[in-house]
Amino acid sequence: MSPDTNPTDLGQTGDADQPDETEQLREEIAETRDELGQTVEALAQKADVKAQVEEKKAEVREKVEDKKTEVKDKVEDKKTEVKDKAAEAVGGVGDKVAEVRTKVSQAPPVQQASERPWIPAAVGGGLLLLLILRRRRRA
C-alpha cells in the first residue's frame, strides 16, 4: 500500500495498484483463515482425551490380535511337528511289533504238560517219596 492511499479507499478505483493489492490481501486473509482453522482443529484434537484413549485402545487391540495370530500359528506349527514325531515313533513301534510277531511265529511250539502226562506223575511220586522218607527219620 502506498503512503498516500487511504485504507478506507481499498475497494474504490483510482490507482492501478489497488486492485492487485486488494486481491493479494484477500488471498492472504483466506490463507490465514485456513491456517487458523487447521490450528484450532489440531488443538481440539489434543484436547479431546476421550478420542485419544479410543485411538490408543484401537492400537493396542490391533497389536494383541497380531500377537494372538502369531502365537496361534506357532502352536499349529509345533502341533504338526509333534504329530509327525509321534507318527514316526508309532511307526517304529509298529515295525518292532511286526518283527516280534515274526520271531514268535518262527519259534518252535512249546509243549504243554498235558502232552507229557508222566511229568506230573513223576513230580507227585517224588513228593510222596520225600514225605515217606521224612516220616521214617522222625520215627
N, C-alpha and C. Protein backbone atom coordinates (compact mmCIF):
# COMPACT_ATOMS: atom_id res chain seq x y z
N MET A 1 0.84 -1.16 0.00
CA MET A 1 0.00 0.00 0.00
C MET A 1 0.89 1.22 0.00
N SER A 2 0.51 2.19 -0.75
CA SER A 2 1.34 3.40 -0.81
C SER A 2 0.95 4.34 0.31
N PRO A 3 1.86 5.23 0.73
CA PRO A 3 1.60 6.11 1.86
C PRO A 3 0.48 7.11 1.59
N ASP A 4 0.20 7.45 0.33
CA ASP A 4 -0.84 8.44 0.05
C ASP A 4 -2.22 7.79 -0.12
N THR A 5 -2.31 6.44 0.04
CA THR A 5 -3.59 5.75 -0.13
C THR A 5 -4.27 5.65 1.21
N ASN A 6 -5.51 5.97 1.21
CA ASN A 6 -6.34 5.90 2.41
C ASN A 6 -6.84 4.45 2.56
N PRO A 7 -6.73 3.84 3.75
CA PRO A 7 -7.16 2.45 3.91
C PRO A 7 -8.65 2.27 3.65
N THR A 8 -9.44 3.28 3.78
CA THR A 8 -10.87 3.14 3.53
C THR A 8 -11.18 3.12 2.04
N ASP A 9 -10.23 3.51 1.21
CA ASP A 9 -10.44 3.56 -0.23
C ASP A 9 -9.99 2.28 -0.94
N LEU A 10 -9.81 1.20 -0.22
CA LEU A 10 -9.26 -0.01 -0.83
C LEU A 10 -10.14 -0.57 -1.93
N GLY A 11 -11.39 -0.55 -1.78
CA GLY A 11 -12.28 -1.12 -2.78
C GLY A 11 -12.60 -0.18 -3.90
N GLN A 12 -12.15 1.05 -3.89
CA GLN A 12 -12.52 2.03 -4.91
C GLN A 12 -11.47 2.07 -6.02
N THR A 13 -11.89 2.53 -7.16
CA THR A 13 -10.98 2.61 -8.30
C THR A 13 -10.21 3.90 -8.24
N GLY A 14 -9.15 3.96 -8.96
CA GLY A 14 -8.37 5.19 -9.00
C GLY A 14 -6.93 4.86 -9.25
N ASP A 15 -6.31 4.09 -8.41
CA ASP A 15 -4.90 3.73 -8.54
C ASP A 15 -4.83 2.35 -9.20
N ALA A 16 -3.89 2.11 -10.08
CA ALA A 16 -3.78 0.86 -10.83
C ALA A 16 -3.29 -0.27 -9.94
N ASP A 17 -2.53 0.05 -8.88
CA ASP A 17 -2.00 -0.98 -7.99
C ASP A 17 -3.05 -1.45 -6.98
N GLN A 18 -4.08 -0.69 -6.76
CA GLN A 18 -5.06 -1.03 -5.73
C GLN A 18 -5.77 -2.35 -5.97
N PRO A 19 -6.27 -2.68 -7.13
CA PRO A 19 -6.95 -3.96 -7.30
C PRO A 19 -6.02 -5.15 -7.02
N ASP A 20 -4.77 -5.03 -7.41
CA ASP A 20 -3.80 -6.11 -7.16
C ASP A 20 -3.57 -6.26 -5.67
N GLU A 21 -3.41 -5.13 -4.99
CA GLU A 21 -3.18 -5.18 -3.54
C GLU A 21 -4.40 -5.73 -2.81
N THR A 22 -5.57 -5.33 -3.24
CA THR A 22 -6.80 -5.79 -2.61
C THR A 22 -6.94 -7.31 -2.78
N GLU A 23 -6.70 -7.77 -3.96
CA GLU A 23 -6.78 -9.21 -4.24
C GLU A 23 -5.75 -9.98 -3.42
N GLN A 24 -4.54 -9.42 -3.34
CA GLN A 24 -3.47 -10.06 -2.58
C GLN A 24 -3.84 -10.13 -1.09
N LEU A 25 -4.42 -9.07 -0.58
CA LEU A 25 -4.83 -9.05 0.83
C LEU A 25 -5.94 -10.08 1.08
N ARG A 26 -6.86 -10.17 0.16
CA ARG A 26 -7.94 -11.15 0.31
C ARG A 26 -7.38 -12.59 0.32
N GLU A 27 -6.43 -12.87 -0.54
CA GLU A 27 -5.80 -14.19 -0.58
C GLU A 27 -5.06 -14.47 0.73
N GLU A 28 -4.36 -13.45 1.23
CA GLU A 28 -3.64 -13.63 2.50
C GLU A 28 -4.61 -13.88 3.65
N ILE A 29 -5.74 -13.17 3.63
CA ILE A 29 -6.76 -13.36 4.67
C ILE A 29 -7.33 -14.77 4.59
N ALA A 30 -7.62 -15.24 3.38
CA ALA A 30 -8.17 -16.59 3.20
C ALA A 30 -7.16 -17.64 3.66
N GLU A 31 -5.91 -17.42 3.31
CA GLU A 31 -4.84 -18.34 3.71
C GLU A 31 -4.70 -18.38 5.24
N THR A 32 -4.75 -17.20 5.85
CA THR A 32 -4.64 -17.11 7.31
C THR A 32 -5.82 -17.81 7.98
N ARG A 33 -7.01 -17.65 7.40
CA ARG A 33 -8.19 -18.33 7.95
C ARG A 33 -8.03 -19.84 7.89
N ASP A 34 -7.53 -20.34 6.75
CA ASP A 34 -7.29 -21.79 6.61
C ASP A 34 -6.30 -22.28 7.66
N GLU A 35 -5.20 -21.57 7.81
CA GLU A 35 -4.18 -21.95 8.79
C GLU A 35 -4.76 -21.91 10.21
N LEU A 36 -5.55 -20.88 10.49
CA LEU A 36 -6.16 -20.74 11.81
C LEU A 36 -7.14 -21.89 12.06
N GLY A 37 -7.90 -22.23 11.04
CA GLY A 37 -8.84 -23.35 11.16
C GLY A 37 -8.11 -24.66 11.44
N GLN A 38 -7.00 -24.88 10.74
CA GLN A 38 -6.21 -26.10 10.96
C GLN A 38 -5.61 -26.11 12.36
N THR A 39 -5.16 -24.96 12.82
CA THR A 39 -4.58 -24.86 14.17
C THR A 39 -5.64 -25.16 15.22
N VAL A 40 -6.82 -24.57 15.05
CA VAL A 40 -7.91 -24.81 16.00
C VAL A 40 -8.29 -26.29 16.00
N GLU A 41 -8.34 -26.90 14.84
CA GLU A 41 -8.68 -28.32 14.74
C GLU A 41 -7.63 -29.18 15.44
N ALA A 42 -6.36 -28.85 15.26
CA ALA A 42 -5.28 -29.60 15.91
C ALA A 42 -5.37 -29.45 17.43
N LEU A 43 -5.65 -28.25 17.89
CA LEU A 43 -5.79 -28.02 19.34
C LEU A 43 -6.99 -28.78 19.90
N ALA A 44 -8.07 -28.83 19.14
CA ALA A 44 -9.26 -29.55 19.58
C ALA A 44 -8.96 -31.05 19.69
N GLN A 45 -8.19 -31.58 18.75
CA GLN A 45 -7.83 -32.99 18.81
C GLN A 45 -6.96 -33.28 20.02
N LYS A 46 -6.03 -32.38 20.33
CA LYS A 46 -5.17 -32.57 21.50
C LYS A 46 -5.98 -32.50 22.78
N ALA A 47 -7.00 -31.70 22.79
CA ALA A 47 -7.82 -31.54 23.99
C ALA A 47 -8.83 -32.67 24.15
N ASP A 48 -9.10 -33.41 23.09
CA ASP A 48 -10.10 -34.49 23.13
C ASP A 48 -9.44 -35.77 23.64
N VAL A 49 -9.41 -35.90 24.96
CA VAL A 49 -8.76 -37.04 25.61
C VAL A 49 -9.50 -38.34 25.30
N LYS A 50 -10.81 -38.28 25.27
CA LYS A 50 -11.60 -39.47 25.01
C LYS A 50 -11.25 -40.08 23.65
N ALA A 51 -11.11 -39.24 22.65
CA ALA A 51 -10.76 -39.72 21.31
C ALA A 51 -9.35 -40.31 21.31
N GLN A 52 -8.44 -39.70 22.07
CA GLN A 52 -7.08 -40.23 22.15
C GLN A 52 -7.07 -41.61 22.81
N VAL A 53 -7.89 -41.76 23.86
CA VAL A 53 -7.98 -43.04 24.55
C VAL A 53 -8.53 -44.10 23.60
N GLU A 54 -9.57 -43.76 22.86
CA GLU A 54 -10.15 -44.71 21.92
C GLU A 54 -9.14 -45.10 20.84
N GLU A 55 -8.36 -44.13 20.38
CA GLU A 55 -7.35 -44.41 19.37
C GLU A 55 -6.28 -45.35 19.93
N LYS A 56 -5.87 -45.09 21.16
CA LYS A 56 -4.85 -45.93 21.80
C LYS A 56 -5.40 -47.35 22.02
N LYS A 57 -6.67 -47.45 22.42
CA LYS A 57 -7.29 -48.76 22.60
C LYS A 57 -7.30 -49.54 21.28
N ALA A 58 -7.61 -48.85 20.20
CA ALA A 58 -7.63 -49.50 18.89
C ALA A 58 -6.24 -50.01 18.52
N GLU A 59 -5.20 -49.22 18.81
CA GLU A 59 -3.83 -49.64 18.52
C GLU A 59 -3.47 -50.89 19.33
N VAL A 60 -3.82 -50.87 20.62
CA VAL A 60 -3.50 -51.99 21.49
C VAL A 60 -4.26 -53.24 21.04
N ARG A 61 -5.52 -53.08 20.68
CA ARG A 61 -6.30 -54.22 20.19
C ARG A 61 -5.64 -54.84 18.96
N GLU A 62 -5.20 -53.99 18.06
CA GLU A 62 -4.57 -54.47 16.84
C GLU A 62 -3.28 -55.25 17.16
N LYS A 63 -2.49 -54.71 18.10
CA LYS A 63 -1.26 -55.40 18.49
C LYS A 63 -1.57 -56.75 19.14
N VAL A 64 -2.60 -56.77 20.00
CA VAL A 64 -2.99 -58.02 20.66
C VAL A 64 -3.46 -59.04 19.63
N GLU A 65 -4.24 -58.62 18.68
CA GLU A 65 -4.72 -59.53 17.64
C GLU A 65 -3.56 -60.08 16.82
N ASP A 66 -2.60 -59.21 16.50
CA ASP A 66 -1.42 -59.65 15.75
C ASP A 66 -0.65 -60.70 16.55
N LYS A 67 -0.46 -60.43 17.84
CA LYS A 67 0.28 -61.35 18.71
C LYS A 67 -0.48 -62.66 18.84
N LYS A 68 -1.79 -62.58 18.96
CA LYS A 68 -2.64 -63.77 19.08
C LYS A 68 -2.48 -64.65 17.84
N THR A 69 -2.52 -64.03 16.69
CA THR A 69 -2.37 -64.76 15.43
C THR A 69 -0.99 -65.40 15.35
N GLU A 70 0.03 -64.65 15.76
CA GLU A 70 1.40 -65.16 15.73
C GLU A 70 1.55 -66.38 16.64
N VAL A 71 1.02 -66.29 17.86
CA VAL A 71 1.11 -67.40 18.81
C VAL A 71 0.32 -68.60 18.29
N LYS A 72 -0.85 -68.33 17.74
CA LYS A 72 -1.69 -69.41 17.21
C LYS A 72 -0.94 -70.16 16.09
N ASP A 73 -0.27 -69.41 15.23
CA ASP A 73 0.49 -70.03 14.14
C ASP A 73 1.63 -70.88 14.69
N LYS A 74 2.32 -70.36 15.73
CA LYS A 74 3.42 -71.12 16.33
C LYS A 74 2.90 -72.42 16.95
N VAL A 75 1.76 -72.34 17.62
CA VAL A 75 1.18 -73.53 18.24
C VAL A 75 0.82 -74.55 17.17
N GLU A 76 0.24 -74.10 16.08
CA GLU A 76 -0.11 -75.01 14.99
C GLU A 76 1.15 -75.68 14.42
N ASP A 77 2.23 -74.90 14.27
CA ASP A 77 3.48 -75.46 13.74
C ASP A 77 4.01 -76.54 14.69
N LYS A 78 4.01 -76.23 16.00
CA LYS A 78 4.51 -77.19 16.99
C LYS A 78 3.61 -78.43 17.03
N LYS A 79 2.32 -78.21 16.91
CA LYS A 79 1.36 -79.32 16.92
C LYS A 79 1.66 -80.27 15.76
N THR A 80 1.88 -79.71 14.60
CA THR A 80 2.19 -80.52 13.42
C THR A 80 3.51 -81.27 13.61
N GLU A 81 4.49 -80.56 14.16
CA GLU A 81 5.80 -81.17 14.40
C GLU A 81 5.70 -82.35 15.37
N VAL A 82 4.98 -82.16 16.47
CA VAL A 82 4.81 -83.22 17.47
C VAL A 82 4.02 -84.38 16.87
N LYS A 83 3.01 -84.05 16.10
CA LYS A 83 2.19 -85.09 15.47
C LYS A 83 3.05 -85.95 14.53
N ASP A 84 3.92 -85.29 13.76
CA ASP A 84 4.80 -86.02 12.85
C ASP A 84 5.77 -86.92 13.62
N LYS A 85 6.34 -86.38 14.71
CA LYS A 85 7.27 -87.17 15.52
C LYS A 85 6.56 -88.36 16.15
N ALA A 86 5.33 -88.15 16.63
CA ALA A 86 4.56 -89.24 17.24
C ALA A 86 4.26 -90.31 16.20
N ALA A 87 3.87 -89.89 15.01
CA ALA A 87 3.58 -90.85 13.95
C ALA A 87 4.83 -91.64 13.59
N GLU A 88 5.95 -90.97 13.57
CA GLU A 88 7.22 -91.63 13.28
C GLU A 88 7.55 -92.65 14.37
N ALA A 89 7.34 -92.27 15.63
CA ALA A 89 7.62 -93.16 16.75
C ALA A 89 6.67 -94.36 16.72
N VAL A 90 5.40 -94.11 16.46
CA VAL A 90 4.42 -95.19 16.40
C VAL A 90 4.75 -96.12 15.24
N GLY A 91 5.17 -95.55 14.15
CA GLY A 91 5.57 -96.38 13.01
C GLY A 91 6.73 -97.28 13.38
N GLY A 92 7.69 -96.77 14.15
CA GLY A 92 8.82 -97.58 14.61
C GLY A 92 8.36 -98.69 15.54
N VAL A 93 7.41 -98.39 16.42
CA VAL A 93 6.87 -99.40 17.33
C VAL A 93 6.12 -100.46 16.53
N GLY A 94 5.37 -100.02 15.54
CA GLY A 94 4.64 -100.97 14.69
C GLY A 94 5.60 -101.92 13.99
N ASP A 95 6.73 -101.40 13.54
CA ASP A 95 7.74 -102.24 12.89
C ASP A 95 8.29 -103.27 13.87
N LYS A 96 8.55 -102.82 15.11
CA LYS A 96 9.07 -103.73 16.14
C LYS A 96 8.05 -104.82 16.46
N VAL A 97 6.79 -104.45 16.56
CA VAL A 97 5.73 -105.42 16.85
C VAL A 97 5.67 -106.47 15.73
N ALA A 98 5.74 -106.02 14.52
CA ALA A 98 5.72 -106.96 13.39
C ALA A 98 6.93 -107.88 13.43
N GLU A 99 8.07 -107.33 13.79
CA GLU A 99 9.30 -108.13 13.89
C GLU A 99 9.17 -109.19 14.99
N VAL A 100 8.62 -108.80 16.15
CA VAL A 100 8.44 -109.75 17.26
C VAL A 100 7.43 -110.82 16.87
N ARG A 101 6.37 -110.44 16.22
CA ARG A 101 5.37 -111.43 15.79
C ARG A 101 6.01 -112.46 14.84
N THR A 102 6.85 -111.95 13.95
CA THR A 102 7.53 -112.86 13.02
C THR A 102 8.40 -113.85 13.77
N LYS A 103 9.16 -113.34 14.75
CA LYS A 103 10.05 -114.22 15.52
C LYS A 103 9.25 -115.23 16.33
N VAL A 104 8.14 -114.79 16.90
CA VAL A 104 7.31 -115.70 17.69
C VAL A 104 6.71 -116.78 16.79
N SER A 105 6.29 -116.40 15.62
CA SER A 105 5.70 -117.40 14.72
C SER A 105 6.74 -118.39 14.22
N GLN A 106 8.00 -117.98 14.19
CA GLN A 106 9.07 -118.86 13.74
C GLN A 106 9.61 -119.74 14.86
N ALA A 107 9.33 -119.40 16.10
CA ALA A 107 9.84 -120.17 17.24
C ALA A 107 9.14 -121.52 17.29
N PRO A 108 9.86 -122.55 17.78
CA PRO A 108 9.23 -123.86 17.90
C PRO A 108 8.13 -123.82 18.96
N PRO A 109 7.09 -124.57 18.78
CA PRO A 109 5.99 -124.54 19.74
C PRO A 109 6.42 -125.13 21.08
N VAL A 110 5.88 -124.59 22.15
CA VAL A 110 6.16 -125.06 23.50
C VAL A 110 5.21 -126.21 23.80
N GLN A 111 5.76 -127.29 24.35
CA GLN A 111 4.91 -128.44 24.65
C GLN A 111 4.22 -128.22 25.99
N GLN A 112 2.98 -128.54 26.03
CA GLN A 112 2.18 -128.40 27.24
C GLN A 112 2.39 -129.62 28.13
N ALA A 113 2.10 -129.42 29.40
CA ALA A 113 2.22 -130.54 30.35
C ALA A 113 1.26 -131.66 30.00
N SER A 114 0.14 -131.32 29.38
CA SER A 114 -0.83 -132.36 29.00
C SER A 114 -0.30 -133.25 27.89
N GLU A 115 0.70 -132.79 27.18
CA GLU A 115 1.31 -133.60 26.14
C GLU A 115 2.32 -134.58 26.73
N ARG A 116 2.72 -134.36 27.97
CA ARG A 116 3.66 -135.25 28.68
C ARG A 116 3.02 -135.65 30.02
N PRO A 117 2.16 -136.60 30.03
CA PRO A 117 1.43 -136.95 31.25
C PRO A 117 2.33 -137.55 32.33
N TRP A 118 3.45 -138.04 32.03
CA TRP A 118 4.33 -138.66 33.01
C TRP A 118 5.02 -137.65 33.92
N ILE A 119 5.14 -136.32 33.46
CA ILE A 119 5.83 -135.31 34.27
C ILE A 119 5.06 -135.04 35.57
N PRO A 120 3.76 -134.76 35.55
CA PRO A 120 3.07 -134.54 36.82
C PRO A 120 3.08 -135.79 37.70
N ALA A 121 3.04 -136.94 37.09
CA ALA A 121 3.07 -138.17 37.87
C ALA A 121 4.43 -138.34 38.55
N ALA A 122 5.49 -137.99 37.85
CA ALA A 122 6.84 -138.10 38.41
C ALA A 122 7.02 -137.11 39.55
N VAL A 123 6.52 -135.91 39.38
CA VAL A 123 6.62 -134.90 40.44
C VAL A 123 5.82 -135.36 41.65
N GLY A 124 4.63 -135.86 41.44
CA GLY A 124 3.79 -136.35 42.55
C GLY A 124 4.47 -137.52 43.27
N GLY A 125 5.04 -138.42 42.52
CA GLY A 125 5.75 -139.57 43.12
C GLY A 125 6.94 -139.11 43.92
N GLY A 126 7.66 -138.14 43.43
CA GLY A 126 8.83 -137.61 44.14
C GLY A 126 8.43 -136.99 45.46
N LEU A 127 7.35 -136.27 45.46
CA LEU A 127 6.87 -135.65 46.70
C LEU A 127 6.40 -136.72 47.70
N LEU A 128 5.72 -137.72 47.22
CA LEU A 128 5.27 -138.80 48.09
C LEU A 128 6.46 -139.53 48.71
N LEU A 129 7.47 -139.78 47.93
CA LEU A 129 8.68 -140.42 48.41
C LEU A 129 9.36 -139.56 49.47
N LEU A 130 9.40 -138.27 49.24
CA LEU A 130 10.00 -137.33 50.19
C LEU A 130 9.25 -137.35 51.51
N LEU A 131 7.96 -137.41 51.49
CA LEU A 131 7.15 -137.45 52.71
C LEU A 131 7.39 -138.75 53.49
N ILE A 132 7.46 -139.81 52.79
CA ILE A 132 7.68 -141.12 53.44
C ILE A 132 9.04 -141.14 54.11
N LEU A 133 10.03 -140.66 53.43
CA LEU A 133 11.39 -140.66 53.98
C LEU A 133 11.47 -139.74 55.22
N ARG A 134 10.79 -138.73 55.20
CA ARG A 134 10.80 -137.78 56.33
C ARG A 134 10.15 -138.39 57.56
N ARG A 135 9.07 -139.11 57.36
CA ARG A 135 8.37 -139.73 58.50
C ARG A 135 9.24 -140.85 59.09
N ARG A 136 9.93 -141.54 58.32
CA ARG A 136 10.77 -142.62 58.83
C ARG A 136 11.89 -142.06 59.68
N ARG A 137 12.44 -140.96 59.31
CA ARG A 137 13.53 -140.36 60.08
C ARG A 137 13.02 -139.88 61.42
N ARG A 138 11.84 -139.40 61.51
CA ARG A 138 11.29 -138.89 62.75
C ARG A 138 10.91 -140.05 63.69
N ALA A 139 10.55 -141.09 63.16
CA ALA A 139 10.06 -142.20 64.00
C ALA A 139 11.13 -143.02 64.63
